[in-house]
C-alpha atoms as a PDB file:
ATOM      1  CA  ASN A   1      35.403 -11.176  27.257  1.00  0.00           C
ATOM      2  CA  LEU A   2      35.296 -13.373  24.172  1.00  0.00           C
ATOM      3  CA  TYR A   3      31.635 -14.124  24.869  1.00  0.00           C
ATOM      4  CA  PHE A   4      30.658 -10.448  25.013  1.00  0.00           C
ATOM      5  CA  ALA A   5      32.763  -9.677  21.943  1.00  0.00           C
ATOM      6  CA  PHE A   6      30.863 -12.374  20.064  1.00  0.00           C
ATOM      7  CA  LEU A   7      27.520 -10.888  21.092  1.00  0.00           C
ATOM      8  CA  LEU A   8      28.576  -7.423  19.957  1.00  0.00           C
ATOM      9  CA  LEU A   9      29.691  -8.780  16.599  1.00  0.00           C
ATOM     10  CA  CYS A  10      26.291 -10.385  16.168  1.00  0.00           C
ATOM     11  CA  ARG A  11      24.714  -7.013  17.131  1.00  0.00           C
ATOM     12  CA  VAL A  12      22.147  -8.870  19.240  1.00  0.00           C
ATOM     13  CA  ASP A  13      22.802  -8.464  22.976  1.00  0.00           C
ATOM     14  CA  LEU A  14      20.584  -8.271  26.049  1.00  0.00           C
ATOM     15  CA  ILE A  15      20.931  -5.660  28.808  1.00  0.00           C
ATOM     16  CA  ASP A  16      18.034  -5.559  31.265  1.00  0.00           C
ATOM     17  CA  GLY A  17      15.862  -7.310  28.669  1.00  0.00           C
ATOM     18  CA  MET A  18      16.644  -4.844  25.847  1.00  0.00           C
ATOM     19  CA  ILE A  19      17.853  -6.104  22.483  1.00  0.00           C
ATOM     20  CA  LEU A  20      20.769  -3.985  21.269  1.00  0.00           C
ATOM     21  CA  MET A  21      20.022  -4.649  17.614  1.00  0.00           C
ATOM     22  CA  GLU A  22      19.062  -1.251  16.180  1.00  0.00           C
ATOM     23  CA  VAL A  23      16.048  -0.443  14.025  1.00  0.00           C
ATOM     24  CA  THR A  24      15.740   2.666  11.857  1.00  0.00           C
ATOM     25  CA  ILE A  25      12.309   4.303  11.674  1.00  0.00           C
ATOM     26  CA  ILE A  26      11.847   6.163   8.388  1.00  0.00           C
ATOM     27  CA  TYR A  27       9.370   9.009   7.967  1.00  0.00           C
ATOM     28  CA  GLY A  28       8.278  10.669   4.746  1.00  0.00           C
ATOM     29  CA  PHE A  29       7.039  14.247   5.180  1.00  0.00           C
ATOM     30  CA  ARG A  30       5.842  17.253   3.208  1.00  0.00           C
ATOM     31  CA  ASN A  31       4.187  20.448   4.452  1.00  0.00           C
ATOM     32  CA  ARG A  32       2.367  18.968   7.454  1.00  0.00           C
ATOM     33  CA  ASP A  33       1.732  20.743  10.746  1.00  0.00           C
ATOM     34  CA  ILE A  34       4.639  20.742  13.179  1.00  0.00           C
ATOM     35  CA  GLU A  35       2.635  19.806  16.287  1.00  0.00           C
ATOM     36  CA  ARG A  36       1.689  16.517  14.609  1.00  0.00           C
ATOM     37  CA  VAL A  37       5.368  15.763  14.051  1.00  0.00           C
ATOM     38  CA  LYS A  38       6.241  16.658  17.647  1.00  0.00           C
ATOM     39  CA  ARG A  39       3.618  14.314  19.110  1.00  0.00           C
ATOM     40  CA  SER A  40       4.965  11.444  17.034  1.00  0.00           C
ATOM     41  CA  LEU A  41       8.617  12.047  17.929  1.00  0.00           C
ATOM     42  CA  ASP A  42       7.778  12.590  21.614  1.00  0.00           C
ATOM     43  CA  SER A  43       6.277   9.101  21.708  1.00  0.00           C
ATOM     44  CA  LEU A  44       9.576   7.719  20.376  1.00  0.00           C
ATOM     45  CA  ARG A  45      11.586   9.704  22.915  1.00  0.00           C
ATOM     46  CA  ASP A  46       9.672   7.887  25.662  1.00  0.00           C
ATOM     47  CA  GLN A  47      10.449   4.347  24.422  1.00  0.00           C
ATOM     48  CA  THR A  48      11.548   1.762  26.975  1.00  0.00           C
ATOM     49  CA  ASP A  49      14.136   0.506  24.468  1.00  0.00           C
ATOM     50  CA  GLN A  50      16.328   3.373  23.269  1.00  0.00           C
ATOM     51  CA  PHE A  51      18.394   1.407  20.731  1.00  0.00           C
ATOM     52  CA  PHE A  52      16.881   2.814  17.547  1.00  0.00           C
ATOM     53  CA  LYS A  53      17.391   5.567  14.981  1.00  0.00           C
ATOM     54  CA  VAL A  54      15.106   7.821  12.967  1.00  0.00           C
ATOM     55  CA  ILE A  55      15.635   9.144   9.436  1.00  0.00           C
ATOM     56  CA  PHE A  56      13.227  11.988   8.768  1.00  0.00           C
ATOM     57  CA  VAL A  57      12.901  12.593   5.011  1.00  0.00           C
ATOM     58  CA  ASP A  58      11.520  16.029   4.199  1.00  0.00           C
ATOM     59  CA  TYR A  59      10.256  15.457   0.668  1.00  0.00           C
ATOM     60  CA  GLY A  60      10.238  18.968  -0.728  1.00  0.00           C
ATOM     61  CA  SER A  61       8.463  21.054   1.906  1.00  0.00           C
ATOM     62  CA  GLU A  62       8.306  24.785   1.304  1.00  0.00           C
ATOM     63  CA  GLU A  63      11.073  26.732   3.018  1.00  0.00           C
ATOM     64  CA  ASN A  64       8.922  28.177   5.807  1.00  0.00           C
ATOM     65  CA  VAL A  65       7.882  24.640   6.807  1.00  0.00           C
ATOM     66  CA  SER A  66      11.269  22.978   6.325  1.00  0.00           C
ATOM     67  CA  VAL A  67      12.986  25.525   8.597  1.00  0.00           C
ATOM     68  CA  LEU A  68      10.529  24.819  11.414  1.00  0.00           C
ATOM     69  CA  VAL A  69      10.633  21.044  11.118  1.00  0.00           C
ATOM     70  CA  LYS A  70      14.440  20.966  10.839  1.00  0.00           C
ATOM     71  CA  ASP A  71      14.717  22.968  14.076  1.00  0.00           C
ATOM     72  CA  LEU A  72      12.284  20.569  15.738  1.00  0.00           C
ATOM     73  CA  ILE A  73      14.195  17.475  14.578  1.00  0.00           C
ATOM     74  CA  ALA A  74      17.400  18.902  16.079  1.00  0.00           C
ATOM     75  CA  GLN A  75      15.855  18.489  19.542  1.00  0.00           C
ATOM     76  CA  TYR A  76      15.857  14.679  19.250  1.00  0.00           C
ATOM     77  CA  ASN A  77      19.287  13.046  19.405  1.00  0.00           C
ATOM     78  CA  PHE A  78      18.053   9.857  17.743  1.00  0.00           C
ATOM     79  CA  CYS A  79      16.782  11.692  14.657  1.00  0.00           C
ATOM     80  CA  THR A  80      18.520  12.610  11.359  1.00  0.00           C
ATOM     81  CA  TYR A  81      16.951  15.221   9.087  1.00  0.00           C
ATOM     82  CA  LEU A  82      17.244  14.753   5.311  1.00  0.00           C
ATOM     83  CA  TYR A  83      15.891  17.258   2.811  1.00  0.00           C
ATOM     84  CA  ASN A  84      15.113  15.948  -0.683  1.00  0.00           C
ATOM     85  CA  GLU A  85      14.668  18.873  -3.107  1.00  0.00           C
ATOM     86  CA  THR A  86      11.499  17.655  -4.819  1.00  0.00           C
ATOM     87  CA  ARG A  87       9.449  20.838  -4.791  1.00  0.00           C
ATOM     88  CA  GLY A  88       7.173  20.868  -7.815  1.00  0.00           C
ATOM     89  CA  MET A  89       7.126  17.069  -8.050  1.00  0.00           C
ATOM     90  CA  PRO A  90       4.037  15.111  -6.978  1.00  0.00           C
ATOM     91  CA  TRP A  91       4.047  13.686  -3.456  1.00  0.00           C
ATOM     92  CA  ASN A  92       5.692  10.265  -3.694  1.00  0.00           C
ATOM     93  CA  ARG A  93       5.810   8.260  -0.470  1.00  0.00           C
ATOM     94  CA  ALA A  94       7.708   5.455  -2.219  1.00  0.00           C
ATOM     95  CA  HIS A  95      10.530   7.771  -3.284  1.00  0.00           C
ATOM     96  CA  ALA A  96      10.581   9.534   0.085  1.00  0.00           C
ATOM     97  CA  LEU A  97      10.967   6.281   2.021  1.00  0.00           C
ATOM     98  CA  ASN A  98      13.502   4.946  -0.479  1.00  0.00           C
ATOM     99  CA  SER A  99      15.655   8.029   0.144  1.00  0.00           C
ATOM    100  CA  GLY A 100      15.864   6.986   3.793  1.00  0.00           C
ATOM    101  CA  ILE A 101      16.302   3.295   3.037  1.00  0.00           C
ATOM    102  CA  ARG A 102      19.336   3.984   0.822  1.00  0.00           C
ATOM    103  CA  ILE A 103      21.229   5.664   3.665  1.00  0.00           C
ATOM    104  CA  ALA A 104      20.010   3.459   6.555  1.00  0.00           C
ATOM    105  CA  THR A 105      22.812   1.526   8.275  1.00  0.00           C
ATOM    106  CA  THR A 106      20.813  -0.702  10.628  1.00  0.00           C
ATOM    107  CA  GLU A 107      19.766  -4.273   9.938  1.00  0.00           C
ATOM    108  CA  TYR A 108      16.041  -3.469  10.009  1.00  0.00           C
ATOM    109  CA  VAL A 109      13.879  -0.505   9.048  1.00  0.00           C
ATOM    110  CA  PHE A 110      10.342   0.422   9.967  1.00  0.00           C
ATOM    111  CA  THR A 111       8.310   2.387   7.405  1.00  0.00           C
ATOM    112  CA  ALA A 112       6.393   4.938   9.440  1.00  0.00           C
ATOM    113  CA  ASP A 113       3.795   7.649   8.955  1.00  0.00           C
ATOM    114  CA  ILE A 114       3.947  11.157  10.355  1.00  0.00           C
ATOM    115  CA  ASP A 115       0.506  10.665  11.940  1.00  0.00           C
ATOM    116  CA  LEU A 116       1.695   7.815  14.180  1.00  0.00           C
ATOM    117  CA  ILE A 117       1.905   7.800  17.947  1.00  0.00           C
ATOM    118  CA  PHE A 118       3.912   4.845  19.291  1.00  0.00           C
ATOM    119  CA  THR A 119       3.201   3.077  22.564  1.00  0.00           C
ATOM    120  CA  GLU A 120       6.236   3.134  24.853  1.00  0.00           C
ATOM    121  CA  ASN A 121       7.060  -0.554  24.262  1.00  0.00           C
ATOM    122  CA  PHE A 122       6.826  -0.427  20.458  1.00  0.00           C
ATOM    123  CA  ILE A 123      10.569  -0.674  19.734  1.00  0.00           C
ATOM    124  CA  ALA A 124      11.022  -3.536  22.189  1.00  0.00           C
ATOM    125  CA  LYS A 125       8.116  -5.460  20.667  1.00  0.00           C
ATOM    126  CA  THR A 126       9.252  -5.020  17.060  1.00  0.00           C
ATOM    127  CA  LYS A 127      12.718  -6.375  17.781  1.00  0.00           C
ATOM    128  CA  LYS A 128      11.209  -9.647  18.953  1.00  0.00           C
ATOM    129  CA  LEU A 129       9.517  -9.956  15.552  1.00  0.00           C
ATOM    130  CA  ALA A 130      12.590  -9.030  13.511  1.00  0.00           C
ATOM    131  CA  LYS A 131      13.721 -11.862  11.259  1.00  0.00           C
ATOM    132  CA  GLN A 132      15.412 -11.883   7.866  1.00  0.00           C
ATOM    133  CA  GLY A 133      13.093 -13.289   5.224  1.00  0.00           C
ATOM    134  CA  THR A 134      10.037 -12.035   7.121  1.00  0.00           C
ATOM    135  CA  VAL A 135       8.176  -8.749   6.770  1.00  0.00           C
ATOM    136  CA  ALA A 136       5.961  -7.803   9.725  1.00  0.00           C
ATOM    137  CA  PHE A 137       2.984  -5.473   9.235  1.00  0.00           C
ATOM    138  CA  PHE A 138       1.185  -3.624  12.021  1.00  0.00           C
ATOM    139  CA  PRO A 139      -2.411  -2.404  12.349  1.00  0.00           C
ATOM    140  CA  VAL A 140      -3.132   1.120  13.515  1.00  0.00           C
ATOM    141  CA  VAL A 141      -5.873   2.426  15.822  1.00  0.00           C
ATOM    142  CA  TYR A 142      -7.582   5.540  14.431  1.00  0.00           C
ATOM    143  CA  LEU A 143      -8.031   8.265  17.017  1.00  0.00           C
ATOM    144  CA  THR A 144     -10.958  10.676  16.742  1.00  0.00           C
ATOM    145  CA  PRO A 145     -11.160  14.445  17.393  1.00  0.00           C
ATOM    146  CA  LYS A 146     -12.760  13.681  20.761  1.00  0.00           C
ATOM    147  CA  ILE A 147     -10.572  10.725  21.798  1.00  0.00           C
ATOM    148  CA  ASP A 148      -6.859  11.386  21.807  1.00  0.00           C
ATOM    149  CA  PHE A 149      -3.799   9.481  22.955  1.00  0.00           C
ATOM    150  CA  PRO A 150      -3.336   7.994  25.562  1.00  0.00           C
ATOM    151  CA  ALA A 151      -7.060   7.835  26.373  1.00  0.00           C
ATOM    152  CA  GLY A 152      -7.631   5.802  23.202  1.00  0.00           C
ATOM    153  CA  ILE A 153      -5.473   2.893  24.392  1.00  0.00           C
ATOM    154  CA  ARG A 154      -8.347   1.361  26.355  1.00  0.00           C
ATOM    155  CA  ASN A 155     -11.151   2.417  24.022  1.00  0.00           C
ATOM    156  CA  ASN A 156     -12.223  -0.682  22.114  1.00  0.00           C
ATOM    157  CA  ASP A 157     -14.788   1.232  20.030  1.00  0.00           C
ATOM    158  CA  LEU A 158     -12.133   2.945  17.917  1.00  0.00           C
ATOM    159  CA  LYS A 159     -11.637   1.767  14.358  1.00  0.00           C
ATOM    160  CA  VAL A 160      -8.599  -0.436  13.680  1.00  0.00           C
ATOM    161  CA  SER A 161      -7.051  -0.907  10.233  1.00  0.00           C
ATOM    162  CA  ASP A 162      -7.469  -4.345   8.652  1.00  0.00           C
ATOM    163  CA  GLN A 163      -4.891  -6.572   6.976  1.00  0.00           C
ATOM    164  CA  ASN A 164      -5.242  -4.727   3.671  1.00  0.00           C
ATOM    165  CA  ALA A 165      -3.316  -1.832   5.246  1.00  0.00           C
ATOM    166  CA  ARG A 166       0.353  -2.643   4.645  1.00  0.00           C
ATOM    167  CA  GLY A 167       2.000   0.752   5.038  1.00  0.00           C
ATOM    168  CA  LEU A 168       3.530   0.198   8.500  1.00  0.00           C
ATOM    169  CA  ALA A 169       6.126  -2.506   8.123  1.00  0.00           C
ATOM    170  CA  LEU A 170       9.247  -3.900   9.784  1.00  0.00           C
ATOM    171  CA  ILE A 171      11.601  -5.147   7.056  1.00  0.00           C
ATOM    172  CA  ASN A 172      15.143  -6.474   6.875  1.00  0.00           C
ATOM    173  CA  ILE A 173      17.299  -3.945   4.997  1.00  0.00           C
ATOM    174  CA  HIS A 174      18.910  -6.658   2.860  1.00  0.00           C
ATOM    175  CA  ASP A 175      15.507  -7.953   1.741  1.00  0.00           C
ATOM    176  CA  LEU A 176      14.466  -4.390   0.845  1.00  0.00           C
ATOM    177  CA  LYS A 177      17.577  -3.539  -1.128  1.00  0.00           C
ATOM    178  CA  GLU A 178      17.403  -6.825  -3.012  1.00  0.00           C
ATOM    179  CA  ILE A 179      14.181  -5.629  -4.688  1.00  0.00           C
ATOM    180  CA  ARG A 180      15.309  -1.959  -4.944  1.00  0.00           C
ATOM    181  CA  GLY A 181      12.848  -0.694  -2.347  1.00  0.00           C
ATOM    182  CA  PHE A 182       9.400   0.688  -3.074  1.00  0.00           C
ATOM    183  CA  ASP A 183       8.347   1.105  -6.699  1.00  0.00           C
ATOM    184  CA  GLU A 184       8.643   4.854  -7.330  1.00  0.00           C
ATOM    185  CA  PHE A 185       6.049   4.785 -10.103  1.00  0.00           C
ATOM    186  CA  TYR A 186       3.344   5.251  -7.453  1.00  0.00           C
ATOM    187  CA  CYS A 187       2.731   8.869  -6.531  1.00  0.00           C
ATOM    188  CA  PHE A 188       0.063  11.134  -5.013  1.00  0.00           C
ATOM    189  CA  TRP A 189      -1.576   8.388  -2.963  1.00  0.00           C
ATOM    190  CA  GLY A 190      -1.964   4.624  -2.642  1.00  0.00           C
ATOM    191  CA  HIS A 191      -0.785   1.145  -3.728  1.00  0.00           C
ATOM    192  CA  GLU A 192       2.952   1.433  -3.016  1.00  0.00           C
ATOM    193  CA  ASP A 193       2.710  -0.594   0.215  1.00  0.00           C
ATOM    194  CA  ASN A 194       0.647  -3.435  -1.294  1.00  0.00           C
ATOM    195  CA  ASP A 195       3.012  -3.526  -4.260  1.00  0.00           C
ATOM    196  CA  LEU A 196       6.030  -3.817  -1.948  1.00  0.00           C
ATOM    197  CA  GLU A 197       4.463  -6.683  -0.002  1.00  0.00           C
ATOM    198  CA  LEU A 198       3.731  -8.531  -3.257  1.00  0.00           C
ATOM    199  CA  ARG A 199       7.306  -8.201  -4.528  1.00  0.00           C
ATOM    200  CA  LEU A 200       8.785  -9.204  -1.165  1.00  0.00           C
ATOM    201  CA  ARG A 201       6.696 -12.376  -1.261  1.00  0.00           C
ATOM    202  CA  LEU A 202       7.824 -13.063  -4.841  1.00  0.00           C
ATOM    203  CA  SER A 203      11.425 -12.743  -3.664  1.00  0.00           C
ATOM    204  CA  GLY A 204      10.823 -15.363  -0.967  1.00  0.00           C
ATOM    205  CA  CYS A 205       9.815 -13.342   2.107  1.00  0.00           C
ATOM    206  CA  GLU A 206       7.052 -14.423   4.463  1.00  0.00           C
ATOM    207  CA  SER A 207       4.415 -11.849   5.484  1.00  0.00           C
ATOM    208  CA  ILE A 208       2.982 -11.690   9.001  1.00  0.00           C
ATOM    209  CA  PHE A 209       0.381  -9.290  10.398  1.00  0.00           C
ATOM    210  CA  HIS A 210       0.898  -8.538  14.085  1.00  0.00           C
ATOM    211  CA  THR A 211      -2.533  -8.178  15.682  1.00  0.00           C
ATOM    212  CA  ALA A 212      -1.749  -9.400  19.194  1.00  0.00           C
ATOM    213  CA  GLU A 213      -1.795  -5.930  20.774  1.00  0.00           C
ATOM    214  CA  ARG A 214      -2.333  -2.220  20.137  1.00  0.00           C
ATOM    215  CA  LEU A 215       1.047  -0.622  19.474  1.00  0.00           C
ATOM    216  CA  LEU A 216       0.321   2.191  16.998  1.00  0.00           C
ATOM    217  CA  PHE A 217      -2.221   5.026  17.074  1.00  0.00           C
ATOM    218  CA  HIS A 218      -3.111   7.334  14.188  1.00  0.00           C
ATOM    219  CA  GLN A 219      -3.661  11.025  14.889  1.00  0.00           C
ATOM    220  CA  TRP A 220      -6.924  12.328  13.497  1.00  0.00           C
ATOM    221  CA  HIS A 221      -6.997  14.430  10.330  1.00  0.00           C
ATOM    222  CA  THR A 222      -9.508  15.179   7.567  1.00  0.00           C
ATOM    223  CA  THR A 223     -10.721  12.334   5.384  1.00  0.00           C
ATOM    224  CA  ILE A 224      -8.758  10.823   2.515  1.00  0.00           C
ATOM    225  CA  LYS A 225     -11.380  12.107   0.075  1.00  0.00           C
ATOM    226  CA  GLU A 226     -10.658  15.698   1.109  1.00  0.00           C
ATOM    227  CA  ASN A 227      -6.909  15.091   0.721  1.00  0.00           C
ATOM    228  CA  ARG A 228      -7.193  13.783  -2.853  1.00  0.00           C
ATOM    229  CA  LYS A 229      -8.092  17.050  -4.545  1.00  0.00           C
ATOM    230  CA  GLU A 230      -4.680  17.331  -6.205  1.00  0.00           C
ATOM    231  CA  ILE A 231      -4.802  13.836  -7.756  1.00  0.00           C
ATOM    232  CA  PRO A 232      -5.344  13.886 -11.564  1.00  0.00           C
ATOM    233  CA  GLU A 233      -8.565  12.365 -12.857  1.00  0.00           C
ATOM    234  CA  ARG A 234      -8.397   8.558 -13.211  1.00  0.00           C
ATOM    235  CA  TRP A 235      -4.872   8.413 -11.802  1.00  0.00           C
ATOM    236  CA  LEU A 236      -5.852   5.972  -9.028  1.00  0.00           C
ATOM    237  CA  THR A 237      -7.386   3.662 -11.632  1.00  0.00           C
ATOM    238  CA  PHE A 238      -4.209   3.924 -13.704  1.00  0.00           C
ATOM    239  CA  GLN A 239      -2.123   2.918 -10.667  1.00  0.00           C
ATOM    240  CA  SER A 240      -4.433  -0.033  -9.977  1.00  0.00           C
ATOM    241  CA  ASP A 241      -3.996  -1.236 -13.548  1.00  0.00           C
ATOM    242  CA  TYR A 242      -0.228  -0.839 -13.259  1.00  0.00           C
ATOM    243  CA  LEU A 243      -0.207  -2.997 -10.126  1.00  0.00           C
ATOM    244  CA  LYS A 244      -2.429  -5.602 -11.771  1.00  0.00           C
ATOM    245  CA  TYR A 245      -0.303  -6.013 -14.897  1.00  0.00           C
ATOM    246  CA  ASN A 246       3.125  -5.965 -13.208  1.00  0.00           C
ATOM    247  CA  GLN A 247       2.561  -8.578 -10.532  1.00  0.00           C
ATOM    248  CA  THR A 248       5.338 -10.894 -11.721  1.00  0.00           C
ATOM    249  CA  ILE A 249       8.066  -8.232 -12.073  1.00  0.00           C
ATOM    250  CA  VAL A 250      10.130  -7.960  -8.895  1.00  0.00           C
ATOM    251  CA  LEU A 251      12.739  -5.349  -9.904  1.00  0.00           C
ATOM    252  CA  ARG A 252      11.141  -2.087 -11.025  1.00  0.00           C
ATOM    253  CA  ASN A 253      13.324   0.905 -10.192  1.00  0.00           C
ATOM    254  CA  SER A 254      16.539   1.926 -11.909  1.00  0.00           C
ATOM    255  CA  ASP A 255      19.861   1.790 -10.048  1.00  0.00           C
ATOM    256  CA  ASP A 256      19.432   5.345  -8.734  1.00  0.00           C
ATOM    257  CA  TRP A 257      16.269   4.497  -6.775  1.00  0.00           C
ATOM    258  CA  GLY A 258      15.889   6.658  -3.681  1.00  0.00           C
ATOM    259  CA  ARG A 259      17.713   9.508  -5.418  1.00  0.00           C
ATOM    260  CA  ILE A 260      18.289  12.576  -3.247  1.00  0.00           C
ATOM    261  CA  TYR A 261      17.982  15.818  -5.224  1.00  0.00           C
ATOM    262  CA  ALA A 262      19.740  19.092  -4.489  1.00  0.00           C
ATOM    263  CA  MET A 263      18.844  22.510  -5.888  1.00  0.00           C
ATOM    264  CA  GLU A 264      21.844  22.259  -8.255  1.00  0.00           C
ATOM    265  CA  GLN A 265      20.148  19.303  -9.962  1.00  0.00           C
ATOM    266  CA  ARG A 266      16.877  21.180 -10.515  1.00  0.00           C
ATOM    267  CA  PRO A 267      17.529  23.907 -13.166  1.00  0.00           C
ATOM    268  CA  ALA A 268      13.827  24.716 -13.627  1.00  0.00           C
ATOM    269  CA  LEU A 269      13.394  25.106  -9.875  1.00  0.00           C
ATOM    270  CA  ARG A 270      16.449  27.342  -9.639  1.00  0.00           C
ATOM    271  CA  LYS A 271      14.919  29.560 -12.304  1.00  0.00           C
ATOM    272  CA  LEU A 272      11.594  29.622 -10.498  1.00  0.00           C
ATOM    273  CA  TYR A 273      13.118  30.785  -7.211  1.00  0.00           C
ATOM    274  CA  ASP A 274      15.636  33.156  -8.788  1.00  0.00           C
ATOM    275  CA  GLN A 275      14.557  36.724  -7.940  1.00  0.00           C
ATOM    276  CA  HIS A 276      16.073  37.967 -11.206  1.00  0.00           C
ATOM    277  CA  THR A 277      13.850  35.783 -13.381  1.00  0.00           C
ATOM    278  CA  LYS A 278      11.448  37.792 -15.533  1.00  0.00           C
ATOM    279  CA  TRP A 279       8.020  36.294 -16.189  1.00  0.00           C
ATOM    280  CA  GLU A 280       5.708  36.958 -19.082  1.00  0.00           C
ATOM    281  CA  GLU A 281       2.110  35.810 -19.133  1.00  0.00           C
ATOM    282  CA  ILE A 282       1.029  33.939 -22.258  1.00  0.00           C
ATOM    283  CA  ASP A 283      -2.350  32.696 -23.429  1.00  0.00           C
ATOM    284  CA  CYS A 284      -2.255  28.939 -24.053  1.00  0.00           C
ATOM    285  CA  LYS A 285      -5.135  26.767 -25.098  1.00  0.00           C
ATOM    286  CA  THR A 286      -5.702  23.519 -23.242  1.00  0.00           C
ATOM    287  CA  ASP A 287      -4.766  21.386 -26.254  1.00  0.00           C
ATOM    288  CA  PHE A 288      -1.403  23.161 -26.494  1.00  0.00           C
ATOM    289  CA  LEU A 289      -0.595  22.416 -22.871  1.00  0.00           C
ATOM    290  CA  ARG A 290      -1.736  18.822 -23.201  1.00  0.00           C
ATOM    291  CA  TYR A 291      -0.182  17.811 -26.517  1.00  0.00           C
ATOM    292  CA  ARG A 292       2.662  20.251 -27.185  1.00  0.00           C
ATOM    293  CA  LEU A 293       4.180  21.454 -23.947  1.00  0.00           C
END
């Protein structure tokens, strides 16, 4: 009895080869199609190791989408739905994931993507790699419109991400919180994962890239170029410069990193969605909007 009590206290036990240490998978989401979400969560439901949790961060989806995805999430007993009222703010994967990281209670987290499909042994494999002071990154196999999962598992002609792709990571929660999570400066698209890896290394963590097997598959969607239409001109260059000139600064965010907004904290948004608000059209020149407003 003392032996089993000790194992439970350590939170690492073995039953039929399964490690009882839990991992939390964190998704960031906004206004994506529901079928894509369902395919990803179905692949987690079928895991051989069921000792894991999911925090699904809805980062400001419109109401018609959030209602549908919340109802879908309720069908999975391992999944917690969290709505962050960020409508009107730019998409910010760093902030979305941080919102989940701040409330995670497990020793390790995995930063996921809504496009992922997990092989059935993914959770079991990641737990064998889990180690404090080490961050493990995983490549992803890109499915095509003609080759879907699971047919793509044995197709060696599909493109696989290289070691520059650092978005899918298994990280000790203590190591993450020590550096205040992802830098929330990065928004729209890109750089937040490479920045995190850099700061984890500066704090003493070792990086490994697990290429031994295919564990993650990426559902097809339109190209990145087509998805960048909302990004302001030269913003990606600005983010690159920011990363370049801040490479020695480990702590970036303020103490309220991962902040979860409610409608009560968004007075402009309340006004926007208030049916009693009266609107008047005005004629503004570009220079007024740029330099005055």
